[in-house]
Amino acid sequence: MARDATTTLRFARLVATLARSFGTKPLDRDAVGRVVEYAARLAGDSERLTLHIRTIADLLREADYWRSENGRAVIGRADVETAIEAAIRRSDRIRSRDREEIVRGTIKIDTEGAVVGQVNALSVLQIGQFAFGRPSRITAVVRLGRGEVVDIEREVKLGGPLHSKGVMILAGFLGQRYGRDRPLALSASLVFEQSYGGIDGDSASSTELYALLSALAEAPIGQSFAVTGSVNQRGEVQAIGGVNEKIEGFFDLCAARGLDGRQGVLIPAANVKHLMLRRDVVEAVAAARFRIFPIETIDQGIEVLTGIAAGAADPSGAYPADTINGRVAARLAAFAESAKRYAGTGGDAARRDGA
């Protein structure tokens, strides 16, 4: 249901009713506030509250247990926090092992430096009722070709239809922005590195586009960033699901290696209303030790990732040479000239052979 002053008060009354019904001790004001926050987190939206009563009831029972363990007369915020953390701890073995292997370097994810054609993506894994964010590395390689953007995941049948749709949209974006008056004479390949299972959804399409632009412009991308968000053919970044888990997944990795204030996550601006982050993430952002960038367009995102201006087209459609768009356009123009030259050479050879 919608979350406003009236519904929050009604939800608080519901919590009190549940506590009486299940025979637990009453909750103090801060504890009720924490349950409200938890309900919004379960809804995945700061403007909504879940009405999944069984989950809320389970939380109250466990919070009451921790209250008794701590010898308190009423359930406090700390008891609710402990109950939430205990529930996560019982389910996070796979998440912990996965993060451990990244920190040890078995799974390759960089959080410092800059690399051309390489971006940290964010996905969500669901284990029963527990969901967590997992960073992944996406790489892009470009070369002279016939306008093909090859999705390696799709080619080996690991990519689902929504993921394949997202990659095909990238070709549409490149064509409408850079190929209006010349053919796109490139061949590009995209892949999730060290991925051994199926991938679906289009939430990494903006990430893949950043990798492509970086490879074409030969502009290194800062590895202290991670990216999520889908993109349309006009270059607008669109909302995705699981934004809280994705941010926290990259935050946990950065925290394990040491926060330095340069790390951060790029999310769609449309997802800001869905943010219900853990307290440690909120505190790190408030202290400028971690950053969250709401992004509306690909041009905004590529400027954050590379530190180079995206560049706007002049009335003739040309981009400034020292910008990302200018460098991409110049690279694609060079590909087109090379393709034309090779085609001409092939034609001459054919005529000589015929003579």
Protein backbone atom coordinates (compact mmCIF):
# COMPACT_ATOMS: atom_id res chain seq x y z
CA MET A 1 0.00 0.00 0.00
CA ALA A 2 1.03 3.63 -0.42
CA ARG A 3 3.21 5.03 2.34
CA ASP A 4 2.14 8.37 3.77
CA ALA A 5 1.45 9.83 7.22
CA THR A 6 -2.00 8.24 7.44
CA THR A 7 -1.07 4.77 6.24
CA THR A 8 2.09 4.75 8.36
CA LEU A 9 -0.02 5.39 11.45
CA ARG A 10 -2.38 2.60 10.44
CA PHE A 11 0.54 0.27 9.84
CA ALA A 12 1.91 1.09 13.30
CA ARG A 13 -1.47 0.14 14.77
CA LEU A 14 -1.36 -3.11 12.80
CA VAL A 15 2.06 -3.88 14.30
CA ALA A 16 0.68 -3.28 17.80
CA THR A 17 -2.30 -5.53 17.06
CA LEU A 18 -0.02 -8.31 15.79
CA ALA A 19 2.14 -8.05 18.91
CA ARG A 20 -0.92 -8.49 21.13
CA SER A 21 -2.28 -11.32 18.98
CA PHE A 22 0.96 -13.33 19.15
CA GLY A 23 1.59 -12.62 22.81
CA THR A 24 4.83 -10.72 22.36
CA LYS A 25 5.83 -7.73 24.43
CA PRO A 26 4.88 -4.28 23.04
CA LEU A 27 7.28 -2.31 20.85
CA ASP A 28 8.61 1.11 21.74
CA ARG A 29 8.38 4.01 19.27
CA ASP A 30 11.80 3.46 17.66
CA ALA A 31 11.13 -0.25 17.24
CA VAL A 32 7.87 0.44 15.41
CA GLY A 33 9.71 2.90 13.18
CA ARG A 34 12.26 0.21 12.32
CA VAL A 35 9.48 -2.24 11.44
CA VAL A 36 7.99 0.39 9.12
CA GLU A 37 11.38 0.79 7.42
CA TYR A 38 11.63 -2.98 7.09
CA ALA A 39 8.17 -3.12 5.49
CA ALA A 40 9.23 -0.49 2.94
CA ARG A 41 12.42 -2.43 2.21
CA LEU A 42 10.39 -5.60 1.60
CA ALA A 43 8.19 -3.63 -0.78
CA GLY A 44 11.33 -2.40 -2.55
CA ASP A 45 10.00 1.15 -2.56
CA SER A 46 10.37 4.04 -0.13
CA GLU A 47 6.82 5.11 -1.03
CA ARG A 48 5.17 1.72 -0.38
CA LEU A 49 4.67 -0.66 2.56
CA THR A 50 4.31 -4.43 2.30
CA LEU A 51 1.22 -6.08 3.75
CA HIS A 52 2.74 -9.54 3.91
CA ILE A 53 1.59 -10.16 7.45
CA ARG A 54 3.38 -13.48 8.00
CA THR A 55 6.79 -11.90 7.37
CA ILE A 56 6.08 -9.04 9.75
CA ALA A 57 4.78 -11.49 12.38
CA ASP A 58 7.93 -13.61 12.10
CA LEU A 59 10.04 -10.50 12.64
CA LEU A 60 8.06 -9.55 15.77
CA ARG A 61 8.43 -13.03 17.25
CA GLU A 62 12.18 -13.09 16.72
CA ALA A 63 12.58 -9.53 17.98
CA ASP A 64 10.71 -10.55 21.12
CA TYR A 65 13.13 -13.45 21.59
CA TRP A 66 16.12 -11.10 21.45
CA ARG A 67 14.32 -8.73 23.83
CA SER A 68 14.07 -11.54 26.38
CA GLU A 69 17.70 -12.50 25.82
CA ASN A 70 18.72 -8.90 26.56
CA GLY A 71 16.42 -8.64 29.58
CA ARG A 72 14.33 -5.75 28.34
CA ALA A 73 10.68 -5.10 29.25
CA VAL A 74 9.65 -3.95 25.74
CA ILE A 75 10.95 -4.59 22.23
CA GLY A 76 13.41 -1.90 21.18
CA ARG A 77 14.94 -0.90 17.86
CA ALA A 78 18.09 -2.88 18.67
CA ASP A 79 16.02 -6.05 19.09
CA VAL A 80 14.38 -5.55 15.71
CA GLU A 81 17.78 -4.87 14.11
CA THR A 82 19.22 -8.02 15.67
CA ALA A 83 16.29 -10.09 14.39
CA ILE A 84 16.74 -8.74 10.85
CA GLU A 85 20.49 -9.37 10.90
CA ALA A 86 20.03 -12.88 12.30
CA ALA A 87 17.59 -13.78 9.51
CA ILE A 88 20.10 -12.58 6.92
CA ARG A 89 22.96 -14.46 8.58
CA ARG A 90 21.01 -17.72 8.36
CA SER A 91 20.67 -17.31 4.58
CA ASP A 92 23.85 -15.59 3.39
CA ARG A 93 26.38 -18.44 3.16
CA ILE A 94 26.50 -18.27 -0.64
CA ARG A 95 26.74 -14.47 -0.60
CA SER A 96 29.61 -14.59 1.90
CA ARG A 97 31.52 -17.22 -0.06
CA ASP A 98 31.02 -15.31 -3.29
CA ARG A 99 32.33 -12.07 -1.79
CA GLU A 100 35.25 -13.93 -0.23
CA GLU A 101 36.31 -15.28 -3.64
CA ILE A 102 36.14 -11.80 -5.16
CA VAL A 103 38.25 -10.33 -2.35
CA ARG A 104 40.78 -13.16 -2.76
CA GLY A 105 41.01 -12.47 -6.49
CA THR A 106 39.56 -15.79 -7.67
CA ILE A 107 36.68 -13.89 -9.25
CA LYS A 108 38.14 -10.85 -10.99
CA ILE A 109 36.44 -7.58 -10.06
CA ASP A 110 38.52 -4.40 -9.92
CA THR A 111 37.61 -1.55 -7.59
CA GLU A 112 40.47 0.77 -8.50
CA GLY A 113 42.30 1.90 -11.61
CA ALA A 114 40.84 2.49 -15.08
CA VAL A 115 40.47 0.10 -18.03
CA VAL A 116 39.27 0.55 -21.62
CA GLY A 117 36.15 -1.44 -22.51
CA GLN A 118 35.59 -2.87 -19.03
CA VAL A 119 32.79 -2.02 -16.59
CA ASN A 120 31.51 -3.43 -13.29
CA ALA A 121 27.91 -4.56 -13.66
CA LEU A 122 25.44 -5.44 -10.89
CA SER A 123 23.01 -8.32 -10.79
CA VAL A 124 20.73 -9.86 -8.16
CA LEU A 125 20.71 -13.50 -7.08
CA GLN A 126 17.72 -14.98 -5.25
CA ILE A 127 18.23 -17.86 -2.80
CA GLY A 128 14.84 -18.77 -1.36
CA GLN A 129 13.51 -15.59 0.26
CA PHE A 130 16.99 -14.02 0.41
CA ALA A 131 18.21 -11.77 -2.42
CA PHE A 132 21.63 -10.18 -2.70
CA GLY A 133 23.58 -8.12 -5.20
CA ARG A 134 26.57 -9.57 -7.04
CA PRO A 135 29.14 -7.52 -8.99
CA SER A 136 30.17 -8.87 -12.39
CA ARG A 137 32.69 -7.76 -14.98
CA ILE A 138 31.51 -6.88 -18.50
CA THR A 139 34.04 -6.40 -21.28
CA ALA A 140 33.66 -5.15 -24.84
CA VAL A 141 35.94 -5.62 -27.85
CA VAL A 142 35.50 -3.69 -31.12
CA ARG A 143 37.04 -4.14 -34.56
CA LEU A 144 36.35 -3.54 -38.25
CA GLY A 145 33.26 -5.47 -39.34
CA ARG A 146 29.75 -5.35 -40.76
CA GLY A 147 27.76 -3.59 -38.05
CA GLU A 148 27.30 -6.58 -35.77
CA VAL A 149 27.08 -6.41 -31.97
CA VAL A 150 27.64 -9.99 -30.84
CA ASP A 151 26.15 -11.05 -27.51
CA ILE A 152 28.35 -13.98 -26.50
CA GLU A 153 25.84 -15.03 -23.83
CA ARG A 154 23.15 -15.39 -26.50
CA GLU A 155 25.47 -17.20 -28.91
CA VAL A 156 26.17 -19.94 -26.36
CA LYS A 157 22.51 -19.99 -25.21
CA LEU A 158 23.22 -18.59 -21.74
CA GLY A 159 21.40 -15.31 -22.39
CA GLY A 160 17.63 -15.06 -21.99
CA PRO A 161 15.36 -13.14 -24.37
CA LEU A 162 15.24 -9.98 -22.27
CA HIS A 163 19.02 -9.81 -22.08
CA SER A 164 19.28 -10.39 -25.83
CA LYS A 165 16.73 -7.62 -26.41
CA GLY A 166 18.86 -5.24 -24.35
CA VAL A 167 21.95 -5.98 -26.45
CA MET A 168 20.03 -5.51 -29.71
CA ILE A 169 18.90 -2.09 -28.46
CA LEU A 170 22.57 -1.09 -28.28
CA ALA A 171 22.91 -1.54 -32.04
CA GLY A 172 19.87 0.68 -32.48
CA PHE A 173 21.41 3.39 -30.29
CA LEU A 174 24.73 3.29 -32.18
CA GLY A 175 22.93 3.46 -35.51
CA GLN A 176 20.67 6.40 -34.68
CA ARG A 177 23.46 8.43 -33.10
CA TYR A 178 26.50 7.67 -35.24
CA GLY A 179 25.29 5.87 -38.38
CA ARG A 180 22.74 8.17 -39.97
CA ASP A 181 24.91 9.07 -42.97
CA ARG A 182 27.34 6.14 -43.12
CA PRO A 183 27.22 2.39 -42.46
CA LEU A 184 28.39 1.09 -39.10
CA ALA A 185 31.45 -0.86 -40.22
CA LEU A 186 32.25 -2.35 -36.85
CA SER A 187 32.02 -5.72 -35.20
CA ALA A 188 31.72 -5.75 -31.42
CA SER A 189 31.47 -8.53 -28.85
CA LEU A 190 30.12 -8.28 -25.32
CA VAL A 191 30.43 -10.79 -22.50
CA PHE A 192 29.90 -11.26 -18.77
CA GLU A 193 33.30 -12.52 -17.65
CA GLN A 194 33.46 -15.59 -15.37
CA SER A 195 29.75 -16.23 -15.79
CA TYR A 196 28.79 -19.90 -15.86
CA GLY A 197 25.02 -19.78 -15.60
CA GLY A 198 22.06 -18.26 -17.38
CA ILE A 199 21.63 -14.48 -17.58
CA ASP A 200 18.39 -12.66 -18.28
CA GLY A 201 16.95 -9.19 -17.90
CA ASP A 202 18.00 -5.92 -19.49
CA SER A 203 19.32 -4.20 -16.36
CA ALA A 204 22.90 -4.45 -17.66
CA SER A 205 22.19 -2.92 -21.07
CA SER A 206 23.43 0.54 -20.04
CA THR A 207 26.55 -1.09 -18.58
CA GLU A 208 27.21 -2.89 -21.85
CA LEU A 209 26.73 0.33 -23.78
CA TYR A 210 29.27 2.12 -21.57
CA ALA A 211 31.75 -0.68 -22.26
CA LEU A 212 31.14 -0.32 -26.02
CA LEU A 213 31.57 3.46 -25.97
CA SER A 214 34.73 3.13 -23.90
CA ALA A 215 36.20 0.62 -26.35
CA LEU A 216 35.30 2.75 -29.37
CA ALA A 217 36.56 6.00 -27.84
CA GLU A 218 39.57 4.25 -26.26
CA ALA A 219 38.63 6.04 -23.04
CA PRO A 220 39.40 4.16 -19.79
CA ILE A 221 36.53 3.63 -17.37
CA GLY A 222 37.11 4.00 -13.63
CA GLN A 223 36.86 0.60 -11.98
CA SER A 224 35.84 2.18 -8.67
CA PHE A 225 32.32 2.43 -10.14
CA ALA A 226 29.61 -0.14 -10.71
CA VAL A 227 26.62 0.38 -12.97
CA THR A 228 23.03 -0.78 -13.27
CA GLY A 229 20.20 0.38 -15.49
CA SER A 230 18.54 -0.46 -18.78
CA VAL A 231 18.73 1.84 -21.79
CA ASN A 232 16.50 2.62 -24.74
CA GLN A 233 17.47 3.45 -28.31
CA ARG A 234 17.47 7.16 -27.50
CA GLY A 235 20.09 6.76 -24.79
CA GLU A 236 17.73 7.29 -21.85
CA VAL A 237 18.52 5.23 -18.75
CA GLN A 238 15.49 3.33 -17.44
CA ALA A 239 14.50 1.87 -14.07
CA ILE A 240 15.45 -1.66 -12.99
CA GLY A 241 14.61 -3.98 -10.10
CA GLY A 242 16.62 -4.89 -7.03
CA VAL A 243 18.35 -1.52 -6.81
CA ASN A 244 18.96 -1.75 -3.03
CA GLU A 245 20.54 -5.20 -3.20
CA LYS A 246 22.71 -4.16 -6.15
CA ILE A 247 24.08 -1.08 -4.40
CA GLU A 248 24.73 -3.02 -1.19
CA GLY A 249 26.48 -5.81 -3.10
CA PHE A 250 29.09 -3.44 -4.52
CA PHE A 251 29.29 -1.49 -1.26
CA ASP A 252 30.14 -4.68 0.67
CA LEU A 253 32.96 -5.49 -1.74
CA CYS A 254 34.37 -1.96 -1.55
CA ALA A 255 34.07 -1.95 2.25
CA ALA A 256 35.95 -5.26 2.43
CA ARG A 257 38.79 -3.71 0.43
CA GLY A 258 38.57 -0.32 2.16
CA LEU A 259 36.35 2.63 1.31
CA ASP A 260 38.30 5.62 -0.01
CA GLY A 261 35.53 7.99 -1.12
CA ARG A 262 36.06 7.31 -4.82
CA GLN A 263 33.86 4.23 -5.08
CA GLY A 264 30.24 4.47 -6.06
CA VAL A 265 27.31 3.13 -8.05
CA LEU A 266 25.47 4.60 -11.02
CA ILE A 267 21.71 3.92 -10.86
CA PRO A 268 18.78 5.14 -12.97
CA ALA A 269 17.37 8.40 -11.65
CA ALA A 270 13.93 6.77 -11.85
CA ASN A 271 15.02 4.33 -9.11
CA VAL A 272 15.79 6.98 -6.48
CA LYS A 273 12.29 6.61 -5.01
CA HIS A 274 12.97 2.90 -4.46
CA LEU A 275 16.02 3.42 -2.25
CA MET A 276 15.71 1.79 1.19
CA LEU A 277 19.35 1.08 1.95
CA ARG A 278 21.01 -0.42 5.01
CA ARG A 279 22.06 2.02 7.68
CA ASP A 280 25.81 1.43 7.13
CA VAL A 281 25.43 2.33 3.44
CA VAL A 282 23.44 5.47 4.26
CA GLU A 283 26.07 6.53 6.80
CA ALA A 284 28.92 5.94 4.33
CA VAL A 285 27.17 8.05 1.68
CA ALA A 286 26.48 10.82 4.20
CA ALA A 287 30.17 10.80 5.16
CA ALA A 288 31.24 10.95 1.48
CA ARG A 289 32.99 7.57 1.75
CA PHE A 290 30.73 6.04 -0.91
CA ARG A 291 28.72 7.68 -3.69
CA ILE A 292 25.45 7.03 -5.50
CA PHE A 293 24.89 8.76 -8.85
CA PRO A 294 21.32 9.05 -10.23
CA ILE A 295 21.70 8.94 -14.01
CA GLU A 296 19.12 9.98 -16.62
CA THR A 297 21.06 9.57 -19.88
CA ILE A 298 24.02 7.62 -21.24
CA ASP A 299 25.86 10.90 -21.79
CA GLN A 300 25.63 11.72 -18.08
CA GLY A 301 26.86 8.26 -17.12
CA ILE A 302 29.83 8.12 -19.47
CA GLU A 303 31.06 11.47 -18.14
CA VAL A 304 31.03 10.11 -14.57
CA LEU A 305 32.77 6.87 -15.58
CA THR A 306 35.52 8.40 -17.74
CA GLY A 307 35.85 11.98 -16.50
CA ILE A 308 35.59 13.12 -20.16
CA ALA A 309 32.78 15.30 -21.49
CA ALA A 310 30.22 13.41 -23.58
CA GLY A 311 29.85 16.24 -26.09
CA ALA A 312 26.76 17.61 -27.85
CA ALA A 313 26.26 17.64 -31.61
CA ASP A 314 26.38 20.95 -33.48
CA PRO A 315 23.71 21.87 -36.08
CA SER A 316 25.54 19.82 -38.71
CA GLY A 317 25.52 16.75 -36.47
CA ALA A 318 29.26 16.82 -35.71
CA TYR A 319 30.62 16.32 -32.20
CA PRO A 320 33.63 18.13 -30.65
CA ALA A 321 36.73 16.05 -31.30
CA ASP A 322 37.92 15.96 -27.68
CA THR A 323 34.68 14.43 -26.32
CA ILE A 324 33.50 10.84 -25.97
CA ASN A 325 30.93 11.21 -28.74
CA GLY A 326 33.49 12.92 -30.97
CA ARG A 327 36.03 10.16 -30.44
CA VAL A 328 33.43 7.44 -31.06
CA ALA A 329 32.22 9.15 -34.23
CA ALA A 330 35.80 9.53 -35.49
CA ARG A 331 36.56 5.86 -34.80
CA LEU A 332 33.44 4.71 -36.61
CA ALA A 333 34.21 7.03 -39.53
CA ALA A 334 37.68 5.48 -39.74
CA PHE A 335 36.12 2.01 -39.74
CA ALA A 336 33.78 3.05 -42.56
CA GLU A 337 36.68 4.41 -44.63
CA SER A 338 38.67 1.23 -44.06
CA ALA A 339 35.69 -0.92 -45.07
CA LYS A 340 35.25 1.16 -48.22
CA ARG A 341 38.95 0.84 -49.03
CA TYR A 342 38.94 -2.92 -48.51
CA ALA A 343 35.79 -3.27 -50.61
CA GLY A 344 37.46 -1.31 -53.40
CA THR A 345 40.57 -3.45 -53.23
CA GLY A 346 38.49 -6.60 -53.41
CA GLY A 347 36.59 -5.28 -56.42
CA ASP A 348 39.77 -4.39 -58.31
CA ALA A 349 41.19 -7.85 -57.62
CA ALA A 350 38.04 -9.47 -58.91
CA ARG A 351 38.16 -7.46 -62.12
CA ARG A 352 41.80 -8.36 -62.70
CA ASP A 353 41.03 -12.04 -62.15
CA GLY A 354 38.15 -11.81 -64.63
CA ALA A 355 40.34 -10.15 -67.25
